[in-house]
PDB file of N, CA and C in Angstrom:
ATOM      1  N   MET A   1       0.847  -1.191   0.004  1.00  0.00           N
ATOM      2  CA  MET A   1       0.000   0.001   0.005  1.00  0.00           C
ATOM      3  C   MET A   1       0.881   1.236  -0.004  1.00  0.00           C
ATOM      4  N   THR A   2       0.498   2.231  -0.748  1.00  0.00           N
ATOM      5  CA  THR A   2       1.217   3.492  -0.748  1.00  0.00           C
ATOM      6  C   THR A   2       0.207   4.631  -0.722  1.00  0.00           C
ATOM      7  N   SER A   3       0.720   5.807  -0.515  1.00  0.00           N
ATOM      8  CA  SER A   3      -0.096   7.028  -0.555  1.00  0.00           C
ATOM      9  C   SER A   3      -1.359   6.924   0.304  1.00  0.00           C
ATOM     10  N   MET A   4      -1.194   6.455   1.511  1.00  0.00           N
ATOM     11  CA  MET A   4      -2.310   6.353   2.422  1.00  0.00           C
ATOM     12  C   MET A   4      -2.505   7.695   3.135  1.00  0.00           C
ATOM     13  N   ASN A   5      -3.740   7.960   3.494  1.00  0.00           N
ATOM     14  CA  ASN A   5      -3.994   9.177   4.266  1.00  0.00           C
ATOM     15  C   ASN A   5      -4.054   8.842   5.752  1.00  0.00           C
ATOM     16  N   GLU A   6      -4.185   9.871   6.591  1.00  0.00           N
ATOM     17  CA  GLU A   6      -4.183   9.654   8.047  1.00  0.00           C
ATOM     18  C   GLU A   6      -5.275   8.689   8.478  1.00  0.00           C
ATOM     19  N   GLN A   7      -6.455   8.829   7.938  1.00  0.00           N
ATOM     20  CA  GLN A   7      -7.564   7.959   8.334  1.00  0.00           C
ATOM     21  C   GLN A   7      -7.265   6.501   7.958  1.00  0.00           C
ATOM     22  N   GLN A   8      -6.770   6.255   6.763  1.00  0.00           N
ATOM     23  CA  GLN A   8      -6.461   4.888   6.345  1.00  0.00           C
ATOM     24  C   GLN A   8      -5.368   4.280   7.219  1.00  0.00           C
ATOM     25  N   LEU A   9      -4.348   5.045   7.530  1.00  0.00           N
ATOM     26  CA  LEU A   9      -3.296   4.541   8.405  1.00  0.00           C
ATOM     27  C   LEU A   9      -3.833   4.240   9.797  1.00  0.00           C
ATOM     28  N   GLY A  10      -4.684   5.096  10.303  1.00  0.00           N
ATOM     29  CA  GLY A  10      -5.242   4.893  11.630  1.00  0.00           C
ATOM     30  C   GLY A  10      -6.124   3.656  11.721  1.00  0.00           C
ATOM     31  N   GLU A  11      -6.733   3.265  10.636  1.00  0.00           N
ATOM     32  CA  GLU A  11      -7.627   2.117  10.614  1.00  0.00           C
ATOM     33  C   GLU A  11      -6.883   0.775  10.625  1.00  0.00           C
ATOM     34  N   LEU A  12      -5.561   0.792  10.482  1.00  0.00           N
ATOM     35  CA  LEU A  12      -4.814  -0.459  10.450  1.00  0.00           C
ATOM     36  C   LEU A  12      -4.639  -1.108  11.828  1.00  0.00           C
ATOM     37  N   GLY A  13      -4.855  -0.402  12.908  1.00  0.00           N
ATOM     38  CA  GLY A  13      -4.745  -1.002  14.232  1.00  0.00           C
ATOM     39  C   GLY A  13      -3.315  -1.092  14.706  1.00  0.00           C
ATOM     40  N   TRP A  14      -2.786   0.004  15.223  1.00  0.00           N
ATOM     41  CA  TRP A  14      -1.379   0.099  15.557  1.00  0.00           C
ATOM     42  C   TRP A  14      -1.045  -0.242  17.007  1.00  0.00           C
ATOM     43  N   SER A  15      -2.029  -0.530  17.837  1.00  0.00           N
ATOM     44  CA  SER A  15      -1.681  -0.945  19.199  1.00  0.00           C
ATOM     45  C   SER A  15      -1.299  -2.427  19.178  1.00  0.00           C
ATOM     46  N   ASP A  16      -0.434  -2.804  20.109  1.00  0.00           N
ATOM     47  CA  ASP A  16       0.072  -4.181  20.192  1.00  0.00           C
ATOM     48  C   ASP A  16       0.882  -4.593  18.976  1.00  0.00           C
ATOM     49  N   LEU A  17       1.576  -3.620  18.390  1.00  0.00           N
ATOM     50  CA  LEU A  17       2.458  -3.861  17.253  1.00  0.00           C
ATOM     51  C   LEU A  17       3.860  -4.104  17.791  1.00  0.00           C
ATOM     52  N   SER A  18       4.511  -5.159  17.365  1.00  0.00           N
ATOM     53  CA  SER A  18       5.894  -5.448  17.781  1.00  0.00           C
ATOM     54  C   SER A  18       6.871  -4.828  16.796  1.00  0.00           C
ATOM     55  N   LEU A  19       7.825  -4.067  17.297  1.00  0.00           N
ATOM     56  CA  LEU A  19       8.897  -3.524  16.450  1.00  0.00           C
ATOM     57  C   LEU A  19       9.983  -4.565  16.351  1.00  0.00           C
ATOM     58  N   ARG A  20      10.215  -5.113  15.172  1.00  0.00           N
ATOM     59  CA  ARG A  20      11.164  -6.207  14.969  1.00  0.00           C
ATOM     60  C   ARG A  20      12.562  -5.707  14.605  1.00  0.00           C
ATOM     61  N   SER A  21      12.631  -4.620  13.833  1.00  0.00           N
ATOM     62  CA  SER A  21      13.935  -4.074  13.459  1.00  0.00           C
ATOM     63  C   SER A  21      13.770  -2.689  12.864  1.00  0.00           C
ATOM     64  N   ILE A  22      14.869  -1.943  12.871  1.00  0.00           N
ATOM     65  CA  ILE A  22      14.955  -0.620  12.235  1.00  0.00           C
ATOM     66  C   ILE A  22      16.231  -0.632  11.379  1.00  0.00           C
ATOM     67  N   ALA A  23      16.111  -0.225  10.123  1.00  0.00           N
ATOM     68  CA  ALA A  23      17.266  -0.238   9.232  1.00  0.00           C
ATOM     69  C   ALA A  23      17.229   0.980   8.308  1.00  0.00           C
ATOM     70  N   TRP A  24      18.402   1.546   8.036  1.00  0.00           N
ATOM     71  CA  TRP A  24      18.526   2.598   7.034  1.00  0.00           C
ATOM     72  C   TRP A  24      18.781   1.930   5.687  1.00  0.00           C
ATOM     73  N   THR A  25      18.124   2.426   4.646  1.00  0.00           N
ATOM     74  CA  THR A  25      18.319   1.904   3.283  1.00  0.00           C
ATOM     75  C   THR A  25      18.551   3.076   2.334  1.00  0.00           C
ATOM     76  N   ASN A  26      18.839   2.747   1.068  1.00  0.00           N
ATOM     77  CA  ASN A  26      19.026   3.767   0.032  1.00  0.00           C
ATOM     78  C   ASN A  26      20.030   4.837   0.455  1.00  0.00           C
ATOM     79  N   GLU A  27      21.229   4.347   0.810  1.00  0.00           N
ATOM     80  CA  GLU A  27      22.324   5.259   1.192  1.00  0.00           C
ATOM     81  C   GLU A  27      21.980   6.084   2.422  1.00  0.00           C
ATOM     82  N   GLY A  28      21.124   5.569   3.301  1.00  0.00           N
ATOM     83  CA  GLY A  28      20.763   6.275   4.508  1.00  0.00           C
ATOM     84  C   GLY A  28      19.622   7.263   4.348  1.00  0.00           C
ATOM     85  N   ARG A  29      18.995   7.252   3.211  1.00  0.00           N
ATOM     86  CA  ARG A  29      17.909   8.199   2.932  1.00  0.00           C
ATOM     87  C   ARG A  29      16.598   7.744   3.531  1.00  0.00           C
ATOM     88  N   ASP A  30      16.299   6.437   3.476  1.00  0.00           N
ATOM     89  CA  ASP A  30      15.019   5.901   3.920  1.00  0.00           C
ATOM     90  C   ASP A  30      15.197   5.066   5.168  1.00  0.00           C
ATOM     91  N   LEU A  31      14.143   5.018   5.980  1.00  0.00           N
ATOM     92  CA  LEU A  31      14.141   4.209   7.197  1.00  0.00           C
ATOM     93  C   LEU A  31      13.096   3.127   7.026  1.00  0.00           C
ATOM     94  N   VAL A  32      13.495   1.888   7.299  1.00  0.00           N
ATOM     95  CA  VAL A  32      12.583   0.752   7.175  1.00  0.00           C
ATOM     96  C   VAL A  32      12.394   0.129   8.547  1.00  0.00           C
ATOM     97  N   LEU A  33      11.130   0.034   8.962  1.00  0.00           N
ATOM     98  CA  LEU A  33      10.791  -0.604  10.227  1.00  0.00           C
ATOM     99  C   LEU A  33      10.061  -1.901   9.943  1.00  0.00           C
ATOM    100  N   ALA A  34      10.606  -3.017  10.399  1.00  0.00           N
ATOM    101  CA  ALA A  34       9.929  -4.308  10.267  1.00  0.00           C
ATOM    102  C   ALA A  34       9.047  -4.445  11.502  1.00  0.00           C
ATOM    103  N   VAL A  35       7.784  -4.744  11.267  1.00  0.00           N
ATOM    104  CA  VAL A  35       6.817  -4.809  12.354  1.00  0.00           C
ATOM    105  C   VAL A  35       5.975  -6.078  12.258  1.00  0.00           C
ATOM    106  N   ARG A  36       5.371  -6.441  13.395  1.00  0.00           N
ATOM    107  CA  ARG A  36       4.403  -7.533  13.444  1.00  0.00           C
ATOM    108  C   ARG A  36       3.176  -7.013  14.152  1.00  0.00           C
ATOM    109  N   PHE A  37       2.053  -7.005  13.459  1.00  0.00           N
ATOM    110  CA  PHE A  37       0.796  -6.569  14.037  1.00  0.00           C
ATOM    111  C   PHE A  37       0.299  -7.613  15.029  1.00  0.00           C
ATOM    112  N   GLY A  38      -0.362  -7.155  16.105  1.00  0.00           N
ATOM    113  CA  GLY A  38      -0.944  -8.076  17.084  1.00  0.00           C
ATOM    114  C   GLY A  38      -1.952  -9.006  16.437  1.00  0.00           C
ATOM    115  N   SER A  39      -2.690  -8.497  15.474  1.00  0.00           N
ATOM    116  CA  SER A  39      -3.574  -9.327  14.639  1.00  0.00           C
ATOM    117  C   SER A  39      -3.562  -8.680  13.252  1.00  0.00           C
ATOM    118  N   PRO A  40      -3.680  -9.466  12.210  1.00  0.00           N
ATOM    119  CA  PRO A  40      -3.587  -8.908  10.851  1.00  0.00           C
ATOM    120  C   PRO A  40      -4.622  -7.804  10.630  1.00  0.00           C
ATOM    121  N   PRO A  41      -4.165  -6.662  10.105  1.00  0.00           N
ATOM    122  CA  PRO A  41      -5.113  -5.575   9.794  1.00  0.00           C
ATOM    123  C   PRO A  41      -6.079  -6.000   8.691  1.00  0.00           C
ATOM    124  N   ARG A  42      -7.218  -5.333   8.658  1.00  0.00           N
ATOM    125  CA  ARG A  42      -8.204  -5.605   7.606  1.00  0.00           C
ATOM    126  C   ARG A  42      -7.531  -5.420   6.244  1.00  0.00           C
ATOM    127  N   GLY A  43      -7.731  -6.398   5.380  1.00  0.00           N
ATOM    128  CA  GLY A  43      -7.150  -6.328   4.034  1.00  0.00           C
ATOM    129  C   GLY A  43      -5.780  -6.965   3.932  1.00  0.00           C
ATOM    130  N   TYR A  44      -5.235  -7.436   5.059  1.00  0.00           N
ATOM    131  CA  TYR A  44      -3.926  -8.083   5.059  1.00  0.00           C
ATOM    132  C   TYR A  44      -4.115  -9.568   5.361  1.00  0.00           C
ATOM    133  N   SER A  45      -3.326 -10.426   4.747  1.00  0.00           N
ATOM    134  CA  SER A  45      -3.425 -11.855   5.016  1.00  0.00           C
ATOM    135  C   SER A  45      -2.517 -12.300   6.145  1.00  0.00           C
ATOM    136  N   GLY A  46      -1.487 -11.525   6.468  1.00  0.00           N
ATOM    137  CA  GLY A  46      -0.577 -11.897   7.533  1.00  0.00           C
ATOM    138  C   GLY A  46      -0.302 -10.766   8.478  1.00  0.00           C
ATOM    139  N   SER A  47       0.513 -11.021   9.479  1.00  0.00           N
ATOM    140  CA  SER A  47       0.786 -10.052  10.526  1.00  0.00           C
ATOM    141  C   SER A  47       2.077  -9.270  10.312  1.00  0.00           C
ATOM    142  N   ASP A  48       3.006  -9.787   9.516  1.00  0.00           N
ATOM    143  CA  ASP A  48       4.300  -9.157   9.319  1.00  0.00           C
ATOM    144  C   ASP A  48       4.263  -8.146   8.173  1.00  0.00           C
ATOM    145  N   ALA A  49       4.905  -7.015   8.378  1.00  0.00           N
ATOM    146  CA  ALA A  49       4.951  -5.970   7.358  1.00  0.00           C
ATOM    147  C   ALA A  49       6.205  -5.125   7.536  1.00  0.00           C
ATOM    148  N   THR A  50       6.557  -4.385   6.487  1.00  0.00           N
ATOM    149  CA  THR A  50       7.587  -3.371   6.604  1.00  0.00           C
ATOM    150  C   THR A  50       6.956  -2.008   6.349  1.00  0.00           C
ATOM    151  N   LEU A  51       7.396  -1.053   7.116  1.00  0.00           N
ATOM    152  CA  LEU A  51       6.955   0.323   6.993  1.00  0.00           C
ATOM    153  C   LEU A  51       8.177   1.104   6.512  1.00  0.00           C
ATOM    154  N   THR A  52       8.155   1.547   5.245  1.00  0.00           N
ATOM    155  CA  THR A  52       9.279   2.297   4.692  1.00  0.00           C
ATOM    156  C   THR A  52       8.937   3.788   4.713  1.00  0.00           C
ATOM    157  N   CYS A  53       9.815   4.537   5.323  1.00  0.00           N
ATOM    158  CA  CYS A  53       9.628   5.995   5.449  1.00  0.00           C
ATOM    159  C   CYS A  53      10.704   6.635   4.579  1.00  0.00           C
ATOM    160  N   SER A  54      10.271   7.191   3.429  1.00  0.00           N
ATOM    161  CA  SER A  54      11.243   7.768   2.501  1.00  0.00           C
ATOM    162  C   SER A  54      11.665   9.155   2.930  1.00  0.00           C
ATOM    163  N   TRP A  55      12.914   9.454   2.661  1.00  0.00           N
ATOM    164  CA  TRP A  55      13.520  10.731   3.059  1.00  0.00           C
ATOM    165  C   TRP A  55      13.279  11.013   4.542  1.00  0.00           C
ATOM    166  N   ALA A  56      13.621  10.016   5.356  1.00  0.00           N
ATOM    167  CA  ALA A  56      13.435  10.119   6.803  1.00  0.00           C
ATOM    168  C   ALA A  56      14.409  11.105   7.422  1.00  0.00           C
ATOM    169  N   SER A  57      13.928  11.818   8.443  1.00  0.00           N
ATOM    170  CA  SER A  57      14.776  12.761   9.180  1.00  0.00           C
ATOM    171  C   SER A  57      14.280  12.889  10.620  1.00  0.00           C
ATOM    172  N   ASP A  58      15.047  13.564  11.426  1.00  0.00           N
ATOM    173  CA  ASP A  58      14.668  13.856  12.792  1.00  0.00           C
ATOM    174  C   ASP A  58      14.307  12.609  13.583  1.00  0.00           C
ATOM    175  N   LEU A  59      15.022  11.507  13.322  1.00  0.00           N
ATOM    176  CA  LEU A  59      14.750  10.262  14.036  1.00  0.00           C
ATOM    177  C   LEU A  59      15.160  10.421  15.504  1.00  0.00           C
ATOM    178  N   ARG A  60      14.254  10.055  16.389  1.00  0.00           N
ATOM    179  CA  ARG A  60      14.526  10.055  17.827  1.00  0.00           C
ATOM    180  C   ARG A  60      14.107   8.708  18.389  1.00  0.00           C
ATOM    181  N   ILE A  61      15.062   8.054  19.032  1.00  0.00           N
ATOM    182  CA  ILE A  61      14.789   6.784  19.689  1.00  0.00           C
ATOM    183  C   ILE A  61      15.099   6.944  21.164  1.00  0.00           C
ATOM    184  N   ASP A  62      14.091   6.804  21.995  1.00  0.00           N
ATOM    185  CA  ASP A  62      14.262   6.911  23.433  1.00  0.00           C
ATOM    186  C   ASP A  62      13.573   5.703  24.078  1.00  0.00           C
ATOM    187  N   MET A  63      14.366   4.664  24.300  1.00  0.00           N
ATOM    188  CA  MET A  63      13.803   3.435  24.842  1.00  0.00           C
ATOM    189  C   MET A  63      14.674   2.923  25.977  1.00  0.00           C
ATOM    190  N   LYS A  64      14.019   2.379  26.971  1.00  0.00           N
ATOM    191  CA  LYS A  64      14.746   1.812  28.094  1.00  0.00           C
ATOM    192  C   LYS A  64      14.062   0.500  28.500  1.00  0.00           C
ATOM    193  N   PHE A  65      14.865  -0.545  28.541  1.00  0.00           N
ATOM    194  CA  PHE A  65      14.388  -1.847  28.968  1.00  0.00           C
ATOM    195  C   PHE A  65      14.915  -2.102  30.385  1.00  0.00           C
ATOM    196  N   GLY A  66      14.099  -2.638  31.219  1.00  0.00           N
ATOM    197  CA  GLY A  66      14.501  -2.958  32.583  1.00  0.00           C
ATOM    198  C   GLY A  66      15.503  -4.105  32.599  1.00  0.00           C
ATOM    199  N   GLU A  67      16.060  -4.330  33.764  1.00  0.00           N
ATOM    200  CA  GLU A  67      17.015  -5.411  33.941  1.00  0.00           C
ATOM    201  C   GLU A  67      16.330  -6.756  33.610  1.00  0.00           C
ATOM    202  N   ARG A  68      17.027  -7.557  32.844  1.00  0.00           N
ATOM    203  CA  ARG A  68      16.539  -8.877  32.422  1.00  0.00           C
ATOM    204  C   ARG A  68      15.223  -8.827  31.622  1.00  0.00           C
ATOM    205  N   VAL A  69      14.995  -7.713  30.958  1.00  0.00           N
ATOM    206  CA  VAL A  69      13.825  -7.568  30.099  1.00  0.00           C
ATOM    207  C   VAL A  69      14.330  -7.503  28.662  1.00  0.00           C
ATOM    208  N   GLY A  70      13.774  -8.336  27.837  1.00  0.00           N
ATOM    209  CA  GLY A  70      14.185  -8.356  26.430  1.00  0.00           C
ATOM    210  C   GLY A  70      12.982  -8.532  25.535  1.00  0.00           C
ATOM    211  N   GLY A  71      13.247  -8.885  24.311  1.00  0.00           N
ATOM    212  CA  GLY A  71      12.164  -9.070  23.371  1.00  0.00           C
ATOM    213  C   GLY A  71      11.897  -7.825  22.553  1.00  0.00           C
ATOM    214  N   HIS A  72      10.901  -7.912  21.736  1.00  0.00           N
ATOM    215  CA  HIS A  72      10.539  -6.778  20.865  1.00  0.00           C
ATOM    216  C   HIS A  72       9.639  -5.824  21.640  1.00  0.00           C
ATOM    217  N   PRO A  73       9.906  -4.509  21.528  1.00  0.00           N
ATOM    218  CA  PRO A  73       8.996  -3.565  22.162  1.00  0.00           C
ATOM    219  C   PRO A  73       7.622  -3.610  21.494  1.00  0.00           C
ATOM    220  N   VAL A  74       6.592  -3.409  22.265  1.00  0.00           N
ATOM    221  CA  VAL A  74       5.206  -3.482  21.789  1.00  0.00           C
ATOM    222  C   VAL A  74       4.558  -2.124  21.964  1.00  0.00           C
ATOM    223  N   THR A  75       3.868  -1.659  20.912  1.00  0.00           N
ATOM    224  CA  THR A  75       3.291  -0.315  20.953  1.00  0.00           C
ATOM    225  C   THR A  75       2.047  -0.244  21.822  1.00  0.00           C
ATOM    226  N   TRP A  76       1.881   0.918  22.411  1.00  0.00           N
ATOM    227  CA  TRP A  76       0.637   1.308  23.052  1.00  0.00           C
ATOM    228  C   TRP A  76      -0.231   1.985  21.991  1.00  0.00           C
ATOM    229  N   ASP A  77       0.437   2.846  21.203  1.00  0.00           N
ATOM    230  CA  ASP A  77      -0.251   3.587  20.142  1.00  0.00           C
ATOM    231  C   ASP A  77       0.772   4.101  19.151  1.00  0.00           C
ATOM    232  N   VAL A  78       0.311   4.379  17.946  1.00  0.00           N
ATOM    233  CA  VAL A  78       1.142   5.018  16.909  1.00  0.00           C
ATOM    234  C   VAL A  78       0.317   6.126  16.302  1.00  0.00           C
ATOM    235  N   THR A  79       0.918   7.317  16.151  1.00  0.00           N
ATOM    236  CA  THR A  79       0.195   8.423  15.525  1.00  0.00           C
ATOM    237  C   THR A  79       0.913   8.847  14.243  1.00  0.00           C
ATOM    238  N   PHE A  80       0.102   9.183  13.262  1.00  0.00           N
ATOM    239  CA  PHE A  80       0.569   9.662  11.968  1.00  0.00           C
ATOM    240  C   PHE A  80      -0.103  11.013  11.727  1.00  0.00           C
ATOM    241  N   LYS A  81       0.681  12.023  11.418  1.00  0.00           N
ATOM    242  CA  LYS A  81       0.120  13.345  11.112  1.00  0.00           C
ATOM    243  C   LYS A  81       0.826  13.892   9.876  1.00  0.00           C
ATOM    244  N   GLN A  82       0.040  14.447   8.965  1.00  0.00           N
ATOM    245  CA  GLN A  82       0.612  15.113   7.805  1.00  0.00           C
ATOM    246  C   GLN A  82       0.667  16.606   8.083  1.00  0.00           C
ATOM    247  N   VAL A  83       1.859  17.161   7.904  1.00  0.00           N
ATOM    248  CA  VAL A  83       2.076  18.587   8.117  1.00  0.00           C
ATOM    249  C   VAL A  83       2.867  19.115   6.938  1.00  0.00           C
ATOM    250  N   ASP A  84       2.297  20.032   6.188  1.00  0.00           N
ATOM    251  CA  ASP A  84       2.991  20.632   5.038  1.00  0.00           C
ATOM    252  C   ASP A  84       3.555  19.594   4.068  1.00  0.00           C
ATOM    253  N   GLY A  85       2.794  18.531   3.823  1.00  0.00           N
ATOM    254  CA  GLY A  85       3.215  17.522   2.854  1.00  0.00           C
ATOM    255  C   GLY A  85       4.194  16.492   3.378  1.00  0.00           C
ATOM    256  N   ARG A  86       4.541  16.570   4.644  1.00  0.00           N
ATOM    257  CA  ARG A  86       5.450  15.577   5.254  1.00  0.00           C
ATOM    258  C   ARG A  86       4.686  14.829   6.348  1.00  0.00           C
ATOM    259  N   TRP A  87       5.221  13.698   6.721  1.00  0.00           N
ATOM    260  CA  TRP A  87       4.613  12.874   7.770  1.00  0.00           C
ATOM    261  C   TRP A  87       5.395  12.975   9.074  1.00  0.00           C
ATOM    262  N   SER A  88       4.680  13.132  10.155  1.00  0.00           N
ATOM    263  CA  SER A  88       5.220  12.998  11.498  1.00  0.00           C
ATOM    264  C   SER A  88       4.697  11.682  12.037  1.00  0.00           C
ATOM    265  N   ILE A  89       5.603  10.809  12.499  1.00  0.00           N
ATOM    266  CA  ILE A  89       5.205   9.505  13.013  1.00  0.00           C
ATOM    267  C   ILE A  89       5.773   9.342  14.406  1.00  0.00           C
ATOM    268  N   ASP A  90       4.910   8.901  15.332  1.00  0.00           N
ATOM    269  CA  ASP A  90       5.333   8.695  16.718  1.00  0.00           C
ATOM    270  C   ASP A  90       4.858   7.325  17.198  1.00  0.00           C
ATOM    271  N   PHE A  91       5.821   6.450  17.514  1.00  0.00           N
ATOM    272  CA  PHE A  91       5.506   5.142  18.089  1.00  0.00           C
ATOM    273  C   PHE A  91       5.633   5.281  19.602  1.00  0.00           C
ATOM    274  N   ASP A  92       4.542   5.000  20.311  1.00  0.00           N
ATOM    275  CA  ASP A  92       4.513   5.066  21.768  1.00  0.00           C
ATOM    276  C   ASP A  92       4.573   3.626  22.291  1.00  0.00           C
ATOM    277  N   PHE A  93       5.656   3.301  22.967  1.00  0.00           N
ATOM    278  CA  PHE A  93       5.848   1.983  23.528  1.00  0.00           C
ATOM    279  C   PHE A  93       5.572   1.959  25.031  1.00  0.00           C
ATOM    280  N   ALA A  94       4.646   2.788  25.483  1.00  0.00           N
ATOM    281  CA  ALA A  94       4.253   2.889  26.877  1.00  0.00           C
ATOM    282  C   ALA A  94       5.504   3.094  27.763  1.00  0.00           C
ATOM    283  N   SER A  95       5.704   2.287  28.758  1.00  0.00           N
ATOM    284  CA  SER A  95       6.812   2.508  29.686  1.00  0.00           C
ATOM    285  C   SER A  95       8.174   2.226  29.075  1.00  0.00           C
ATOM    286  N   THR A  96       8.215   1.580  27.901  1.00  0.00           N
ATOM    287  CA  THR A  96       9.498   1.300  27.229  1.00  0.00           C
ATOM    288  C   THR A  96      10.057   2.534  26.525  1.00  0.00           C
ATOM    289  N   GLY A  97       9.211   3.429  26.010  1.00  0.00           N
ATOM    290  CA  GLY A  97       9.700   4.642  25.387  1.00  0.00           C
ATOM    291  C   GLY A  97       9.003   5.007  24.103  1.00  0.00           C
ATOM    292  N   HIS A  98       9.723   5.739  23.257  1.00  0.00           N
ATOM    293  CA  HIS A  98       9.185   6.290  22.002  1.00  0.00           C
ATOM    294  C   HIS A  98      10.187   6.161  20.874  1.00  0.00           C
ATOM    295  N   VAL A  99       9.654   6.090  19.655  1.00  0.00           N
ATOM    296  CA  VAL A  99      10.425   6.274  18.429  1.00  0.00           C
ATOM    297  C   VAL A  99       9.624   7.262  17.614  1.00  0.00           C
ATOM    298  N   SER A 100      10.273   8.354  17.177  1.00  0.00           N
ATOM    299  CA  SER A 100       9.585   9.333  16.347  1.00  0.00           C
ATOM    300  C   SER A 100      10.472   9.752  15.192  1.00  0.00           C
ATOM    301  N   LEU A 101       9.818  10.189  14.110  1.00  0.00           N
ATOM    302  CA  LEU A 101      10.569  10.626  12.947  1.00  0.00           C
ATOM    303  C   LEU A 101       9.673  11.427  12.035  1.00  0.00           C
ATOM    304  N   TRP A 102      10.276  12.070  11.058  1.00  0.00           N
ATOM    305  CA  TRP A 102       9.583  12.774   9.963  1.00  0.00           C
ATOM    306  C   TRP A 102      10.010  12.098   8.671  1.00  0.00           C
ATOM    307  N   CYS A 103       9.104  12.062   7.671  1.00  0.00           N
ATOM    308  CA  CYS A 103       9.462  11.530   6.359  1.00  0.00           C
ATOM    309  C   CYS A 103       8.552  12.121   5.310  1.00  0.00           C
ATOM    310  N   ASN A 104       8.938  11.928   4.058  1.00  0.00           N
ATOM    311  CA  ASN A 104       8.149  12.467   2.934  1.00  0.00           C
ATOM    312  C   ASN A 104       7.018  11.562   2.526  1.00  0.00           C
ATOM    313  N   ASP A 105       7.216  10.238   2.611  1.00  0.00           N
ATOM    314  CA  ASP A 105       6.187   9.302   2.152  1.00  0.00           C
ATOM    315  C   ASP A 105       6.293   8.036   2.975  1.00  0.00           C
ATOM    316  N   ILE A 106       5.193   7.289   3.039  1.00  0.00           N
ATOM    317  CA  ILE A 106       5.112   6.048   3.782  1.00  0.00           C
ATOM    318  C   ILE A 106       4.630   4.945   2.871  1.00  0.00           C
ATOM    319  N   GLU A 107       5.323   3.814   2.910  1.00  0.00           N
ATOM    320  CA  GLU A 107       4.882   2.656   2.158  1.00  0.00           C
ATOM    321  C   GLU A 107       4.824   1.482   3.126  1.00  0.00           C
ATOM    322  N   ILE A 108       3.704   0.746   3.090  1.00  0.00           N
ATOM    323  CA  ILE A 108       3.522  -0.425   3.942  1.00  0.00           C
ATOM    324  C   ILE A 108       3.422  -1.650   3.026  1.00  0.00           C
ATOM    325  N   VAL A 109       4.273  -2.639   3.286  1.00  0.00           N
ATOM    326  CA  VAL A 109       4.296  -3.843   2.452  1.00  0.00           C
ATOM    327  C   VAL A 109       4.159  -5.067   3.353  1.00  0.00           C
ATOM    328  N   GLU A 110       3.244  -5.948   2.999  1.00  0.00           N
ATOM    329  CA  GLU A 110       3.086  -7.228   3.729  1.00  0.00           C
ATOM    330  C   GLU A 110       4.303  -8.114   3.480  1.00  0.00           C
ATOM    331  N   ARG A 111       4.640  -8.878   4.497  1.00  0.00           N
ATOM    332  CA  ARG A 111       5.756  -9.847   4.365  1.00  0.00           C
ATOM    333  C   ARG A 111       5.259 -11.245   4.641  1.00  0.00           C
TER     334      ARG A 111
END
């Protein structure tokens, strides 16, 4: 899926999403987040997907895991806002922390 609007992104069900990995691609221009939805979103056959954020900037990762706590962080909520043609994305991992960034476009691909 590409060129989704805020409403369409919000309808995918972003709570209980596991963040599996974060990687820079395209010479560091794009950010790719591998995720696993708690349950497959409507219109998807599986739970695994990649979220590619093109021309990503202002990445902030603030996460803290307690002693002997591991695994993939799980979201409480994710917000998407379009401002002046760019996307602001904020992943809220409740007591674990936040990941936020800005990008020009978002592409979600099932895996």
